[in-house]
PDB file of N, CA and C in Angstrom:
ATOM      1  N   UNK A   1    -212.900 185.889 -13.230  1.00  0.00           N
ATOM      2  CA  UNK A   1    -213.279 185.149 -14.347  1.00  0.00           C
ATOM      3  C   UNK A   1    -213.242 186.377 -15.540  1.00  0.00           C
ATOM      4  N   UNK A   2    -212.864 185.967 -16.748  1.00  0.00           N
ATOM      5  CA  UNK A   2    -212.877 186.863 -17.817  1.00  0.00           C
ATOM      6  C   UNK A   2    -214.043 186.918 -18.454  1.00  0.00           C
ATOM      7  N   UNK A   3    -214.395 188.213 -18.991  1.00  0.00           N
ATOM      8  CA  UNK A   3    -215.690 188.296 -19.774  1.00  0.00           C
ATOM      9  C   UNK A   3    -215.091 188.769 -21.376  1.00  0.00           C
ATOM     10  N   UNK A   4    -215.853 187.989 -22.015  1.00  0.00           N
ATOM     11  CA  UNK A   4    -215.586 188.098 -23.603  1.00  0.00           C
ATOM     12  C   UNK A   4    -216.497 189.246 -23.956  1.00  0.00           C
ATOM     13  N   UNK A   5    -215.732 190.315 -24.775  1.00  0.00           N
ATOM     14  CA  UNK A   5    -216.485 191.416 -25.253  1.00  0.00           C
ATOM     15  C   UNK A   5    -216.768 191.185 -26.740  1.00  0.00           C
ATOM     16  N   UNK A   6    -217.816 191.551 -27.236  1.00  0.00           N
ATOM     17  CA  UNK A   6    -218.101 191.485 -28.618  1.00  0.00           C
ATOM     18  C   UNK A   6    -218.361 192.739 -29.298  1.00  0.00           C
ATOM     19  N   UNK A   7    -218.461 192.778 -30.541  1.00  0.00           N
ATOM     20  CA  UNK A   7    -218.825 193.924 -31.198  1.00  0.00           C
ATOM     21  C   UNK A   7    -220.380 193.860 -31.593  1.00  0.00           C
ATOM     22  N   UNK A   8    -221.175 194.427 -30.803  1.00  0.00           N
ATOM     23  CA  UNK A   8    -222.594 194.202 -31.195  1.00  0.00           C
ATOM     24  C   UNK A   8    -223.143 194.983 -32.313  1.00  0.00           C
ATOM     25  N   UNK A   9    -223.917 194.415 -33.078  1.00  0.00           N
ATOM     26  CA  UNK A   9    -224.544 195.161 -34.153  1.00  0.00           C
ATOM     27  C   UNK A   9    -223.510 195.867 -35.004  1.00  0.00           C
ATOM     28  N   UNK A  10    -222.740 195.064 -35.672  1.00  0.00           N
ATOM     29  CA  UNK A  10    -221.599 195.604 -36.494  1.00  0.00           C
ATOM     30  C   UNK A  10    -221.996 196.674 -37.439  1.00  0.00           C
ATOM     31  N   UNK A  11    -223.257 196.506 -38.188  1.00  0.00           N
ATOM     32  CA  UNK A  11    -223.598 197.520 -39.252  1.00  0.00           C
ATOM     33  C   UNK A  11    -223.976 198.890 -38.556  1.00  0.00           C
ATOM     34  N   UNK A  12    -224.747 198.676 -37.431  1.00  0.00           N
ATOM     35  CA  UNK A  12    -225.127 199.915 -36.639  1.00  0.00           C
ATOM     36  C   UNK A  12    -223.884 200.753 -36.213  1.00  0.00           C
ATOM     37  N   UNK A  13    -222.808 199.942 -35.585  1.00  0.00           N
ATOM     38  CA  UNK A  13    -221.694 200.846 -35.173  1.00  0.00           C
ATOM     39  C   UNK A  13    -220.749 201.220 -36.270  1.00  0.00           C
ATOM     40  N   UNK A  14    -220.708 200.554 -37.495  1.00  0.00           N
ATOM     41  CA  UNK A  14    -220.109 200.979 -38.667  1.00  0.00           C
ATOM     42  C   UNK A  14    -220.697 202.241 -39.331  1.00  0.00           C
ATOM     43  N   UNK A  15    -221.932 202.207 -39.375  1.00  0.00           N
ATOM     44  CA  UNK A  15    -222.626 203.296 -39.844  1.00  0.00           C
ATOM     45  C   UNK A  15    -222.595 204.621 -39.005  1.00  0.00           C
ATOM     46  N   UNK A  16    -222.460 204.442 -37.650  1.00  0.00           N
ATOM     47  CA  UNK A  16    -222.374 205.391 -36.639  1.00  0.00           C
ATOM     48  C   UNK A  16    -221.054 206.048 -36.739  1.00  0.00           C
ATOM     49  N   UNK A  17    -220.079 205.276 -37.005  1.00  0.00           N
ATOM     50  CA  UNK A  17    -218.719 205.762 -37.238  1.00  0.00           C
ATOM     51  C   UNK A  17    -218.668 206.671 -38.468  1.00  0.00           C
ATOM     52  N   UNK A  18    -219.176 206.095 -39.607  1.00  0.00           N
ATOM     53  CA  UNK A  18    -219.122 207.045 -40.740  1.00  0.00           C
ATOM     54  C   UNK A  18    -219.943 208.241 -40.720  1.00  0.00           C
ATOM     55  N   UNK A  19    -221.162 208.297 -40.135  1.00  0.00           N
ATOM     56  CA  UNK A  19    -221.973 209.332 -40.151  1.00  0.00           C
ATOM     57  C   UNK A  19    -221.405 210.414 -39.162  1.00  0.00           C
ATOM     58  N   UNK A  20    -220.833 209.919 -38.062  1.00  0.00           N
ATOM     59  CA  UNK A  20    -220.339 210.926 -37.070  1.00  0.00           C
ATOM     60  C   UNK A  20    -219.047 211.574 -37.456  1.00  0.00           C
ATOM     61  N   UNK A  21    -218.268 210.852 -38.245  1.00  0.00           N
ATOM     62  CA  UNK A  21    -217.080 211.391 -38.844  1.00  0.00           C
ATOM     63  C   UNK A  21    -217.409 212.595 -39.882  1.00  0.00           C
ATOM     64  N   UNK A  22    -218.344 211.987 -40.763  1.00  0.00           N
ATOM     65  CA  UNK A  22    -218.769 212.880 -41.865  1.00  0.00           C
ATOM     66  C   UNK A  22    -219.376 214.277 -41.179  1.00  0.00           C
ATOM     67  N   UNK A  23    -220.294 214.081 -40.171  1.00  0.00           N
ATOM     68  CA  UNK A  23    -220.864 215.222 -39.418  1.00  0.00           C
ATOM     69  C   UNK A  23    -219.838 216.104 -38.859  1.00  0.00           C
ATOM     70  N   UNK A  24    -218.749 215.662 -38.352  1.00  0.00           N
ATOM     71  CA  UNK A  24    -217.538 216.454 -37.874  1.00  0.00           C
ATOM     72  C   UNK A  24    -216.723 217.000 -38.914  1.00  0.00           C
ATOM     73  N   UNK A  25    -216.968 216.516 -40.289  1.00  0.00           N
ATOM     74  CA  UNK A  25    -216.098 216.926 -41.231  1.00  0.00           C
ATOM     75  C   UNK A  25    -214.618 216.434 -41.085  1.00  0.00           C
ATOM     76  N   UNK A  26    -214.391 215.242 -40.675  1.00  0.00           N
ATOM     77  CA  UNK A  26    -212.985 214.804 -40.475  1.00  0.00           C
ATOM     78  C   UNK A  26    -212.725 213.879 -41.634  1.00  0.00           C
ATOM     79  N   UNK A  27    -211.479 213.943 -42.061  1.00  0.00           N
ATOM     80  CA  UNK A  27    -211.071 212.902 -43.158  1.00  0.00           C
ATOM     81  C   UNK A  27    -210.482 211.676 -42.303  1.00  0.00           C
ATOM     82  N   UNK A  28    -210.360 210.690 -43.152  1.00  0.00           N
ATOM     83  CA  UNK A  28    -209.799 209.519 -42.629  1.00  0.00           C
ATOM     84  C   UNK A  28    -208.324 209.736 -42.301  1.00  0.00           C
ATOM     85  N   UNK A  29    -207.596 210.585 -43.086  1.00  0.00           N
ATOM     86  CA  UNK A  29    -206.313 210.823 -42.871  1.00  0.00           C
ATOM     87  C   UNK A  29    -205.993 211.659 -41.495  1.00  0.00           C
ATOM     88  N   UNK A  30    -206.824 212.521 -41.231  1.00  0.00           N
ATOM     89  CA  UNK A  30    -206.877 213.116 -39.835  1.00  0.00           C
ATOM     90  C   UNK A  30    -207.179 212.320 -38.807  1.00  0.00           C
ATOM     91  N   UNK A  31    -207.972 211.354 -38.899  1.00  0.00           N
ATOM     92  CA  UNK A  31    -208.269 210.296 -37.909  1.00  0.00           C
ATOM     93  C   UNK A  31    -207.081 209.460 -37.704  1.00  0.00           C
ATOM     94  N   UNK A  32    -206.542 208.995 -38.871  1.00  0.00           N
ATOM     95  CA  UNK A  32    -205.435 208.173 -38.828  1.00  0.00           C
ATOM     96  C   UNK A  32    -204.190 208.883 -38.049  1.00  0.00           C
ATOM     97  N   UNK A  33    -203.948 210.120 -38.236  1.00  0.00           N
ATOM     98  CA  UNK A  33    -202.958 210.826 -37.583  1.00  0.00           C
ATOM     99  C   UNK A  33    -203.192 211.059 -36.021  1.00  0.00           C
ATOM    100  N   UNK A  34    -204.410 211.266 -35.737  1.00  0.00           N
ATOM    101  CA  UNK A  34    -204.847 211.473 -34.336  1.00  0.00           C
ATOM    102  C   UNK A  34    -204.907 210.251 -33.524  1.00  0.00           C
ATOM    103  N   UNK A  35    -205.138 209.084 -34.067  1.00  0.00           N
ATOM    104  CA  UNK A  35    -205.316 207.830 -33.323  1.00  0.00           C
ATOM    105  C   UNK A  35    -204.211 206.817 -33.589  1.00  0.00           C
ATOM    106  N   UNK A  36    -203.407 207.013 -34.694  1.00  0.00           N
ATOM    107  CA  UNK A  36    -202.297 206.120 -35.037  1.00  0.00           C
ATOM    108  C   UNK A  36    -203.002 204.693 -35.538  1.00  0.00           C
ATOM    109  N   UNK A  37    -204.109 204.719 -35.976  1.00  0.00           N
ATOM    110  CA  UNK A  37    -205.003 203.542 -36.494  1.00  0.00           C
ATOM    111  C   UNK A  37    -204.692 203.679 -37.993  1.00  0.00           C
ATOM    112  N   UNK A  38    -204.198 202.794 -38.625  1.00  0.00           N
ATOM    113  CA  UNK A  38    -203.946 202.911 -40.147  1.00  0.00           C
ATOM    114  C   UNK A  38    -205.324 202.952 -40.778  1.00  0.00           C
ATOM    115  N   UNK A  39    -205.216 203.630 -42.012  1.00  0.00           N
ATOM    116  CA  UNK A  39    -206.416 204.011 -42.853  1.00  0.00           C
ATOM    117  C   UNK A  39    -207.245 202.851 -43.100  1.00  0.00           C
ATOM    118  N   UNK A  40    -206.562 201.680 -43.542  1.00  0.00           N
ATOM    119  CA  UNK A  40    -207.119 200.569 -44.011  1.00  0.00           C
ATOM    120  C   UNK A  40    -208.159 199.897 -42.924  1.00  0.00           C
ATOM    121  N   UNK A  41    -207.722 200.152 -41.538  1.00  0.00           N
ATOM    122  CA  UNK A  41    -208.443 199.703 -40.451  1.00  0.00           C
ATOM    123  C   UNK A  41    -209.596 200.470 -40.222  1.00  0.00           C
ATOM    124  N   UNK A  42    -209.522 201.860 -40.383  1.00  0.00           N
ATOM    125  CA  UNK A  42    -210.641 202.847 -40.337  1.00  0.00           C
ATOM    126  C   UNK A  42    -211.571 202.593 -41.276  1.00  0.00           C
ATOM    127  N   UNK A  43    -211.175 202.336 -42.597  1.00  0.00           N
ATOM    128  CA  UNK A  43    -212.113 201.932 -43.600  1.00  0.00           C
ATOM    129  C   UNK A  43    -212.868 200.570 -43.241  1.00  0.00           C
ATOM    130  N   UNK A  44    -212.105 199.577 -42.659  1.00  0.00           N
ATOM    131  CA  UNK A  44    -212.796 198.434 -42.114  1.00  0.00           C
ATOM    132  C   UNK A  44    -213.834 198.637 -41.325  1.00  0.00           C
ATOM    133  N   UNK A  45    -213.597 199.441 -40.167  1.00  0.00           N
ATOM    134  CA  UNK A  45    -214.387 199.811 -39.174  1.00  0.00           C
ATOM    135  C   UNK A  45    -215.781 200.470 -39.772  1.00  0.00           C
ATOM    136  N   UNK A  46    -215.532 201.436 -40.672  1.00  0.00           N
ATOM    137  CA  UNK A  46    -216.759 202.140 -41.213  1.00  0.00           C
ATOM    138  C   UNK A  46    -217.557 201.171 -42.281  1.00  0.00           C
ATOM    139  N   UNK A  47    -216.917 200.101 -42.790  1.00  0.00           N
ATOM    140  CA  UNK A  47    -217.606 199.297 -43.614  1.00  0.00           C
ATOM    141  C   UNK A  47    -218.101 198.051 -42.767  1.00  0.00           C
ATOM    142  N   UNK A  48    -217.790 197.836 -41.652  1.00  0.00           N
ATOM    143  CA  UNK A  48    -218.171 196.534 -40.920  1.00  0.00           C
ATOM    144  C   UNK A  48    -217.287 195.354 -41.415  1.00  0.00           C
ATOM    145  N   UNK A  49    -216.248 195.414 -41.897  1.00  0.00           N
ATOM    146  CA  UNK A  49    -215.429 194.292 -42.311  1.00  0.00           C
ATOM    147  C   UNK A  49    -214.281 194.041 -41.286  1.00  0.00           C
ATOM    148  N   UNK A  50    -214.713 193.267 -40.237  1.00  0.00           N
ATOM    149  CA  UNK A  50    -213.883 192.962 -39.172  1.00  0.00           C
ATOM    150  C   UNK A  50    -212.833 191.842 -39.487  1.00  0.00           C
ATOM    151  N   UNK A  51    -212.856 191.304 -40.711  1.00  0.00           N
ATOM    152  CA  UNK A  51    -212.044 190.204 -41.258  1.00  0.00           C
ATOM    153  C   UNK A  51    -210.640 190.739 -41.383  1.00  0.00           C
ATOM    154  N   UNK A  52    -210.419 191.940 -41.688  1.00  0.00           N
ATOM    155  CA  UNK A  52    -209.119 192.451 -41.946  1.00  0.00           C
ATOM    156  C   UNK A  52    -207.956 192.687 -40.643  1.00  0.00           C
ATOM    157  N   UNK A  53    -208.747 192.630 -39.524  1.00  0.00           N
ATOM    158  CA  UNK A  53    -207.980 192.701 -38.255  1.00  0.00           C
ATOM    159  C   UNK A  53    -207.134 191.479 -37.932  1.00  0.00           C
ATOM    160  N   UNK A  54    -205.999 191.654 -37.408  1.00  0.00           N
ATOM    161  CA  UNK A  54    -205.265 190.407 -37.149  1.00  0.00           C
ATOM    162  C   UNK A  54    -205.836 189.670 -35.986  1.00  0.00           C
ATOM    163  N   UNK A  55    -206.715 190.196 -35.156  1.00  0.00           N
ATOM    164  CA  UNK A  55    -207.349 189.642 -34.090  1.00  0.00           C
ATOM    165  C   UNK A  55    -208.597 190.448 -33.503  1.00  0.00           C
ATOM    166  N   UNK A  56    -209.350 189.795 -32.820  1.00  0.00           N
ATOM    167  CA  UNK A  56    -210.512 190.497 -32.258  1.00  0.00           C
ATOM    168  C   UNK A  56    -210.275 191.439 -31.143  1.00  0.00           C
ATOM    169  N   UNK A  57    -209.134 191.184 -30.480  1.00  0.00           N
ATOM    170  CA  UNK A  57    -208.602 192.283 -29.536  1.00  0.00           C
ATOM    171  C   UNK A  57    -208.330 193.637 -30.323  1.00  0.00           C
ATOM    172  N   UNK A  58    -207.634 193.458 -31.427  1.00  0.00           N
ATOM    173  CA  UNK A  58    -207.439 194.763 -32.291  1.00  0.00           C
ATOM    174  C   UNK A  58    -208.579 195.462 -32.710  1.00  0.00           C
ATOM    175  N   UNK A  59    -209.520 194.751 -33.098  1.00  0.00           N
ATOM    176  CA  UNK A  59    -210.856 195.359 -33.725  1.00  0.00           C
ATOM    177  C   UNK A  59    -211.521 195.967 -32.404  1.00  0.00           C
ATOM    178  N   UNK A  60    -211.512 195.326 -31.230  1.00  0.00           N
ATOM    179  CA  UNK A  60    -212.169 195.900 -30.205  1.00  0.00           C
ATOM    180  C   UNK A  60    -211.362 197.263 -29.747  1.00  0.00           C
ATOM    181  N   UNK A  61    -210.227 197.053 -29.680  1.00  0.00           N
ATOM    182  CA  UNK A  61    -209.311 198.366 -29.181  1.00  0.00           C
ATOM    183  C   UNK A  61    -209.282 199.516 -30.309  1.00  0.00           C
ATOM    184  N   UNK A  62    -209.423 199.251 -31.422  1.00  0.00           N
ATOM    185  CA  UNK A  62    -209.561 200.227 -32.501  1.00  0.00           C
ATOM    186  C   UNK A  62    -210.984 200.828 -32.406  1.00  0.00           C
ATOM    187  N   UNK A  63    -211.952 199.970 -32.271  1.00  0.00           N
ATOM    188  CA  UNK A  63    -213.313 200.610 -32.121  1.00  0.00           C
ATOM    189  C   UNK A  63    -213.369 201.624 -30.944  1.00  0.00           C
ATOM    190  N   UNK A  64    -212.793 201.126 -29.805  1.00  0.00           N
ATOM    191  CA  UNK A  64    -212.874 202.131 -28.673  1.00  0.00           C
ATOM    192  C   UNK A  64    -212.038 203.356 -29.035  1.00  0.00           C
ATOM    193  N   UNK A  65    -210.865 203.231 -29.532  1.00  0.00           N
ATOM    194  CA  UNK A  65    -210.208 204.444 -29.811  1.00  0.00           C
ATOM    195  C   UNK A  65    -210.852 205.374 -30.880  1.00  0.00           C
ATOM    196  N   UNK A  66    -211.405 204.767 -31.677  1.00  0.00           N
ATOM    197  CA  UNK A  66    -212.102 205.627 -32.679  1.00  0.00           C
ATOM    198  C   UNK A  66    -213.451 206.368 -32.197  1.00  0.00           C
ATOM    199  N   UNK A  67    -214.166 205.614 -31.401  1.00  0.00           N
ATOM    200  CA  UNK A  67    -215.377 206.037 -30.782  1.00  0.00           C
ATOM    201  C   UNK A  67    -215.088 207.114 -29.799  1.00  0.00           C
ATOM    202  N   UNK A  68    -213.979 206.895 -29.055  1.00  0.00           N
ATOM    203  CA  UNK A  68    -213.424 208.014 -28.215  1.00  0.00           C
ATOM    204  C   UNK A  68    -213.145 209.371 -28.904  1.00  0.00           C
ATOM    205  N   UNK A  69    -212.418 209.085 -29.852  1.00  0.00           N
ATOM    206  CA  UNK A  69    -212.118 210.402 -30.679  1.00  0.00           C
ATOM    207  C   UNK A  69    -213.266 211.128 -31.204  1.00  0.00           C
ATOM    208  N   UNK A  70    -214.287 210.217 -31.745  1.00  0.00           N
ATOM    209  CA  UNK A  70    -215.515 210.768 -32.320  1.00  0.00           C
ATOM    210  C   UNK A  70    -216.494 211.385 -31.038  1.00  0.00           C
ATOM    211  N   UNK A  71    -216.338 210.985 -30.061  1.00  0.00           N
ATOM    212  CA  UNK A  71    -217.020 211.274 -28.878  1.00  0.00           C
ATOM    213  C   UNK A  71    -218.378 210.344 -28.906  1.00  0.00           C
ATOM    214  N   UNK A  72    -218.265 209.137 -29.365  1.00  0.00           N
ATOM    215  CA  UNK A  72    -219.236 208.182 -29.387  1.00  0.00           C
ATOM    216  C   UNK A  72    -219.217 207.393 -28.006  1.00  0.00           C
ATOM    217  N   UNK A  73    -220.383 207.200 -27.260  1.00  0.00           N
ATOM    218  CA  UNK A  73    -220.345 206.468 -25.934  1.00  0.00           C
ATOM    219  C   UNK A  73    -220.480 204.941 -26.562  1.00  0.00           C
ATOM    220  N   UNK A  74    -219.533 204.197 -26.517  1.00  0.00           N
ATOM    221  CA  UNK A  74    -219.601 202.744 -26.890  1.00  0.00           C
ATOM    222  C   UNK A  74    -220.481 201.966 -26.216  1.00  0.00           C
ATOM    223  N   UNK A  75    -220.660 202.326 -24.921  1.00  0.00           N
ATOM    224  CA  UNK A  75    -221.624 201.381 -24.164  1.00  0.00           C
ATOM    225  C   UNK A  75    -223.020 201.502 -24.652  1.00  0.00           C
ATOM    226  N   UNK A  76    -223.307 202.595 -25.386  1.00  0.00           N
ATOM    227  CA  UNK A  76    -224.583 202.705 -25.837  1.00  0.00           C
ATOM    228  C   UNK A  76    -224.706 202.527 -27.219  1.00  0.00           C
ATOM    229  N   UNK A  77    -223.543 202.257 -27.990  1.00  0.00           N
ATOM    230  CA  UNK A  77    -223.608 202.025 -29.493  1.00  0.00           C
ATOM    231  C   UNK A  77    -223.985 200.761 -29.828  1.00  0.00           C
TER     232      UNK A  77
END
């Protein structure tokens, strides 16, 4: 049986991405280069605007990749 994953508490996760990136003094350009996630999607993740993604699977994958880079445990976010 497939289990549907959701992005829980969008605003909390978005704020966590932004605050953690700023704390680590990383630019969006540096994150883009490291993750191969386009800057427009990084901005969307940090603002909680998931409507820009071509599908939920992309948003979830990008969230995981971004969180991994920032050292955020997504199971607790």
